[in-house]
C-alpha atoms as a PDB file:
ATOM      1  CA  MET A   1      12.441   8.976  23.362  1.00  0.00           C
ATOM      2  CA  ASP A   2      11.904  12.074  21.153  1.00  0.00           C
ATOM      3  CA  ARG A   3      14.810  13.625  19.443  1.00  0.00           C
ATOM      4  CA  ASP A   4      14.519  17.400  19.121  1.00  0.00           C
ATOM      5  CA  GLY A   5      14.426  18.927  22.524  1.00  0.00           C
ATOM      6  CA  VAL A   6      15.344  15.753  24.430  1.00  0.00           C
ATOM      7  CA  ILE A   7      18.661  14.784  22.751  1.00  0.00           C
ATOM      8  CA  ASN A   8      19.528  17.983  20.726  1.00  0.00           C
ATOM      9  CA  GLU A   9      18.639  21.634  20.940  1.00  0.00           C
ATOM     10  CA  ARG A  10      15.369  22.493  19.205  1.00  0.00           C
ATOM     11  CA  ALA A  11      15.503  24.691  16.051  1.00  0.00           C
ATOM     12  CA  ALA A  12      14.115  28.174  16.227  1.00  0.00           C
ATOM     13  CA  PRO A  13      10.269  28.320  16.010  1.00  0.00           C
ATOM     14  CA  HIS A  14       9.053  27.305  12.632  1.00  0.00           C
ATOM     15  CA  GLN A  15      12.531  26.068  11.641  1.00  0.00           C
ATOM     16  CA  TYR A  16      14.060  22.562  11.522  1.00  0.00           C
ATOM     17  CA  ILE A  17      17.541  20.924  12.158  1.00  0.00           C
ATOM     18  CA  THR A  18      18.194  20.262   8.471  1.00  0.00           C
ATOM     19  CA  ARG A  19      21.766  19.413   8.520  1.00  0.00           C
ATOM     20  CA  TRP A  20      24.412  17.997  10.915  1.00  0.00           C
ATOM     21  CA  GLU A  21      26.145  21.390  11.290  1.00  0.00           C
ATOM     22  CA  ASP A  22      22.949  22.696  13.084  1.00  0.00           C
ATOM     23  CA  PHE A  23      22.736  19.757  15.365  1.00  0.00           C
ATOM     24  CA  ARG A  24      23.794  20.376  19.024  1.00  0.00           C
ATOM     25  CA  PHE A  25      23.567  17.838  21.752  1.00  0.00           C
ATOM     26  CA  LEU A  26      21.943  18.923  24.809  1.00  0.00           C
ATOM     27  CA  PRO A  27      24.135  18.788  28.137  1.00  0.00           C
ATOM     28  CA  GLY A  28      24.668  15.401  29.646  1.00  0.00           C
ATOM     29  CA  VAL A  29      22.858  13.521  26.830  1.00  0.00           C
ATOM     30  CA  ARG A  30      25.779  11.287  25.954  1.00  0.00           C
ATOM     31  CA  SER A  31      26.239   9.982  29.504  1.00  0.00           C
ATOM     32  CA  ALA A  32      22.433   9.706  30.060  1.00  0.00           C
ATOM     33  CA  ILE A  33      22.130   7.483  27.093  1.00  0.00           C
ATOM     34  CA  ARG A  34      25.189   5.533  28.031  1.00  0.00           C
ATOM     35  CA  ALA A  35      23.624   4.945  31.539  1.00  0.00           C
ATOM     36  CA  LEU A  36      20.494   3.573  29.857  1.00  0.00           C
ATOM     37  CA  ASN A  37      22.598   1.237  27.687  1.00  0.00           C
ATOM     38  CA  GLU A  38      24.526   0.037  30.704  1.00  0.00           C
ATOM     39  CA  ALA A  39      21.339  -0.558  32.710  1.00  0.00           C
ATOM     40  CA  GLY A  40      20.157  -2.856  29.737  1.00  0.00           C
ATOM     41  CA  TYR A  41      17.355  -0.627  28.272  1.00  0.00           C
ATOM     42  CA  LEU A  42      16.730  -0.471  24.611  1.00  0.00           C
ATOM     43  CA  VAL A  43      17.172   3.143  23.557  1.00  0.00           C
ATOM     44  CA  LEU A  44      14.784   3.962  20.723  1.00  0.00           C
ATOM     45  CA  ILE A  45      14.117   7.426  19.156  1.00  0.00           C
ATOM     46  CA  VAL A  46      10.685   8.230  17.848  1.00  0.00           C
ATOM     47  CA  THR A  47      10.804  11.591  15.988  1.00  0.00           C
ATOM     48  CA  CYS A  48       8.619  13.547  13.687  1.00  0.00           C
ATOM     49  CA  GLN A  49      10.492  15.424  10.977  1.00  0.00           C
ATOM     50  CA  ARG A  50       7.793  17.476   9.295  1.00  0.00           C
ATOM     51  CA  GLY A  51      10.528  19.434   7.522  1.00  0.00           C
ATOM     52  CA  VAL A  52      10.610  16.602   4.988  1.00  0.00           C
ATOM     53  CA  ALA A  53       6.987  16.933   4.187  1.00  0.00           C
ATOM     54  CA  ARG A  54       7.401  20.682   3.845  1.00  0.00           C
ATOM     55  CA  GLY A  55      10.382  20.221   1.442  1.00  0.00           C
ATOM     56  CA  MET A  56      12.807  21.930   3.878  1.00  0.00           C
ATOM     57  CA  MET A  57      14.969  18.692   4.006  1.00  0.00           C
ATOM     58  CA  THR A  58      15.180  15.208   2.490  1.00  0.00           C
ATOM     59  CA  MET A  59      15.043  11.903   4.266  1.00  0.00           C
ATOM     60  CA  GLU A  60      18.781  11.424   3.206  1.00  0.00           C
ATOM     61  CA  ALA A  61      19.679  14.665   5.178  1.00  0.00           C
ATOM     62  CA  VAL A  62      17.752  13.219   8.293  1.00  0.00           C
ATOM     63  CA  ASP A  63      19.517   9.897   7.842  1.00  0.00           C
ATOM     64  CA  ASP A  64      22.824  11.741   7.695  1.00  0.00           C
ATOM     65  CA  ILE A  65      22.067  13.660  10.865  1.00  0.00           C
ATOM     66  CA  HIS A  66      21.103  10.335  12.625  1.00  0.00           C
ATOM     67  CA  ARG A  67      24.206   8.541  11.346  1.00  0.00           C
ATOM     68  CA  ARG A  68      26.511  11.289  12.584  1.00  0.00           C
ATOM     69  CA  MET A  69      24.530  11.541  15.892  1.00  0.00           C
ATOM     70  CA  CYS A  70      25.043   7.636  16.438  1.00  0.00           C
ATOM     71  CA  GLU A  71      28.727   7.965  15.555  1.00  0.00           C
ATOM     72  CA  THR A  72      29.207  10.821  18.170  1.00  0.00           C
ATOM     73  CA  LEU A  73      27.341   8.853  20.624  1.00  0.00           C
ATOM     74  CA  ALA A  74      29.446   5.725  20.043  1.00  0.00           C
ATOM     75  CA  GLY A  75      32.502   7.866  20.649  1.00  0.00           C
ATOM     76  CA  ALA A  76      31.203   8.503  24.055  1.00  0.00           C
ATOM     77  CA  GLY A  77      30.404   4.796  24.719  1.00  0.00           C
ATOM     78  CA  ALA A  78      26.633   5.057  24.036  1.00  0.00           C
ATOM     79  CA  HIS A  79      24.354   3.870  21.380  1.00  0.00           C
ATOM     80  CA  ILE A  80      20.870   4.066  19.986  1.00  0.00           C
ATOM     81  CA  ASP A  81      19.183   0.831  19.223  1.00  0.00           C
ATOM     82  CA  GLY A  82      16.755   2.106  16.631  1.00  0.00           C
ATOM     83  CA  ILE A  83      15.477   5.432  15.131  1.00  0.00           C
ATOM     84  CA  TYR A  84      11.890   5.697  13.819  1.00  0.00           C
ATOM     85  CA  VAL A  85      10.915   8.816  11.798  1.00  0.00           C
ATOM     86  CA  CYS A  86       7.687  10.324  10.638  1.00  0.00           C
ATOM     87  CA  PRO A  87       8.305  12.466   7.714  1.00  0.00           C
ATOM     88  CA  HIS A  88       4.528  13.405   7.210  1.00  0.00           C
ATOM     89  CA  ASP A  89       2.604  16.589   7.689  1.00  0.00           C
ATOM     90  CA  TYR A  90      -0.245  16.873  10.149  1.00  0.00           C
ATOM     91  CA  GLY A  91      -3.167  14.507   9.224  1.00  0.00           C
ATOM     92  CA  GLN A  92      -1.355  12.509   6.603  1.00  0.00           C
ATOM     93  CA  CYS A  93      -0.518   9.352   8.496  1.00  0.00           C
ATOM     94  CA  ALA A  94      -0.829   7.123  11.537  1.00  0.00           C
ATOM     95  CA  CYS A  95       2.851   7.610  12.517  1.00  0.00           C
ATOM     96  CA  ARG A  96       2.771  11.278  13.529  1.00  0.00           C
ATOM     97  CA  LYS A  97       2.655  11.599  17.315  1.00  0.00           C
ATOM     98  CA  PRO A  98       0.404  11.573  19.235  1.00  0.00           C
ATOM     99  CA  GLU A  99      -0.516   8.639  16.965  1.00  0.00           C
ATOM    100  CA  ILE A 100       1.452   5.410  17.881  1.00  0.00           C
ATOM    101  CA  GLY A 101       2.627   4.251  14.407  1.00  0.00           C
ATOM    102  CA  LEU A 102       6.202   4.806  15.142  1.00  0.00           C
ATOM    103  CA  PHE A 103       5.986   2.776  18.380  1.00  0.00           C
ATOM    104  CA  LEU A 104       4.328   0.005  16.462  1.00  0.00           C
ATOM    105  CA  GLN A 105       7.127   0.010  13.794  1.00  0.00           C
ATOM    106  CA  ALA A 106       9.664  -0.220  16.642  1.00  0.00           C
ATOM    107  CA  GLU A 107       7.600  -3.178  18.142  1.00  0.00           C
ATOM    108  CA  ARG A 108       8.068  -5.153  14.877  1.00  0.00           C
ATOM    109  CA  ASP A 109      11.833  -4.862  15.396  1.00  0.00           C
ATOM    110  CA  PHE A 110      12.370  -5.211  19.018  1.00  0.00           C
ATOM    111  CA  PRO A 111      10.616  -7.232  21.887  1.00  0.00           C
ATOM    112  CA  ILE A 112       9.304  -4.157  23.570  1.00  0.00           C
ATOM    113  CA  ASP A 113       7.734  -4.798  27.095  1.00  0.00           C
ATOM    114  CA  ARG A 114       5.350  -1.944  27.444  1.00  0.00           C
ATOM    115  CA  ALA A 115       5.112  -2.331  31.213  1.00  0.00           C
ATOM    116  CA  ALA A 116       8.894  -1.789  31.486  1.00  0.00           C
ATOM    117  CA  SER A 117       9.131   1.011  28.957  1.00  0.00           C
ATOM    118  CA  TRP A 118       9.114   4.759  29.064  1.00  0.00           C
ATOM    119  CA  MET A 119       8.531   7.620  26.635  1.00  0.00           C
ATOM    120  CA  VAL A 120      10.682  10.570  27.151  1.00  0.00           C
ATOM    121  CA  GLY A 121       9.559  13.682  25.337  1.00  0.00           C
ATOM    122  CA  ASP A 122       9.422  17.485  25.451  1.00  0.00           C
ATOM    123  CA  SER A 123       5.899  18.060  24.327  1.00  0.00           C
ATOM    124  CA  ASP A 124       2.447  17.074  25.179  1.00  0.00           C
ATOM    125  CA  THR A 125       2.154  15.090  21.998  1.00  0.00           C
ATOM    126  CA  ASP A 126       5.127  13.037  22.961  1.00  0.00           C
ATOM    127  CA  VAL A 127       3.527  12.263  26.332  1.00  0.00           C
ATOM    128  CA  GLU A 128       0.104  11.570  24.686  1.00  0.00           C
ATOM    129  CA  ALA A 129       1.716   9.126  22.281  1.00  0.00           C
ATOM    130  CA  GLY A 130       3.411   7.288  25.057  1.00  0.00           C
ATOM    131  CA  ARG A 131       0.172   7.123  27.032  1.00  0.00           C
ATOM    132  CA  ARG A 132      -1.818   5.774  24.036  1.00  0.00           C
ATOM    133  CA  TYR A 133       0.852   3.143  23.508  1.00  0.00           C
ATOM    134  CA  GLY A 134       0.668   2.109  27.074  1.00  0.00           C
ATOM    135  CA  VAL A 135       4.151   3.004  28.509  1.00  0.00           C
ATOM    136  CA  ARG A 136       5.011   5.343  31.378  1.00  0.00           C
ATOM    137  CA  THR A 137       6.011   8.901  30.272  1.00  0.00           C
ATOM    138  CA  ILE A 138       8.112  11.798  31.298  1.00  0.00           C
ATOM    139  CA  LEU A 139       7.833  15.351  30.029  1.00  0.00           C
ATOM    140  CA  THR A 140      11.091  16.997  30.202  1.00  0.00           C
ATOM    141  CA  THR A 141      13.844  18.746  28.249  1.00  0.00           C
ATOM    142  CA  ASP A 142      16.405  17.436  30.610  1.00  0.00           C
ATOM    143  CA  LEU A 143      17.267  13.852  29.616  1.00  0.00           C
ATOM    144  CA  PRO A 144      19.849  13.388  32.381  1.00  0.00           C
ATOM    145  CA  SER A 145      17.100  13.988  35.009  1.00  0.00           C
ATOM    146  CA  ALA A 146      14.712  11.784  33.234  1.00  0.00           C
ATOM    147  CA  VAL A 147      17.210   8.971  33.055  1.00  0.00           C
ATOM    148  CA  LYS A 148      17.796   9.364  36.904  1.00  0.00           C
ATOM    149  CA  GLN A 149      14.094   9.180  37.560  1.00  0.00           C
ATOM    150  CA  ILE A 150      13.775   6.044  35.135  1.00  0.00           C
ATOM    151  CA  LEU A 151      16.697   4.264  36.884  1.00  0.00           C
ATOM    152  CA  ASP A 152      15.642   5.180  40.364  1.00  0.00           C
ATOM    153  CA  CYS A 153      11.961   4.138  39.710  1.00  0.00           C
ATOM    154  CA  ASP A 154      12.957   0.949  38.043  1.00  0.00           C
ATOM    155  CA  ARG A 155      15.584   0.015  40.553  1.00  0.00           C
ATOM    156  CA  GLY A 156      12.870   0.080  43.266  1.00  0.00           C
ATOM    157  CA  VAL A 157      10.804  -2.320  41.096  1.00  0.00           C
ATOM    158  CA  ARG A 158      13.733  -4.717  40.498  1.00  0.00           C
ATOM    159  CA  GLN A 159      14.589  -5.036  44.247  1.00  0.00           C
END
């Protein structure tokens, strides 16, 4: 899944979440991630953090946000299995969505079954990246609803 706009509130236009104090979980995210964990899904984040390339934040700051995010989730009985970050600007890499480089990085670390996987994002580039990678996609800003859709859909497949 994507991070900004799916897990946390997006920053104002042309701004970035550059420090933990600006990070705000969206409603229901903790329990939605916990539900995915309990259902046996790997929960991976693929996020573009262009603010690094623009000099507005460092990778250390991004890592600190992710560490604190994971600590907060753990306090709610939820966890993220892996986080993959593109710190580049447009046109500088093969990892910035809609390219699939972040997905391929995750695939090196985890046994990903594309047919059983989903990409949840809040932008067309998130969805396009998921399609290019060959997974089912959901365009949403409401992770709890997306998780319900995933669990309902896959429950039907498993029965």
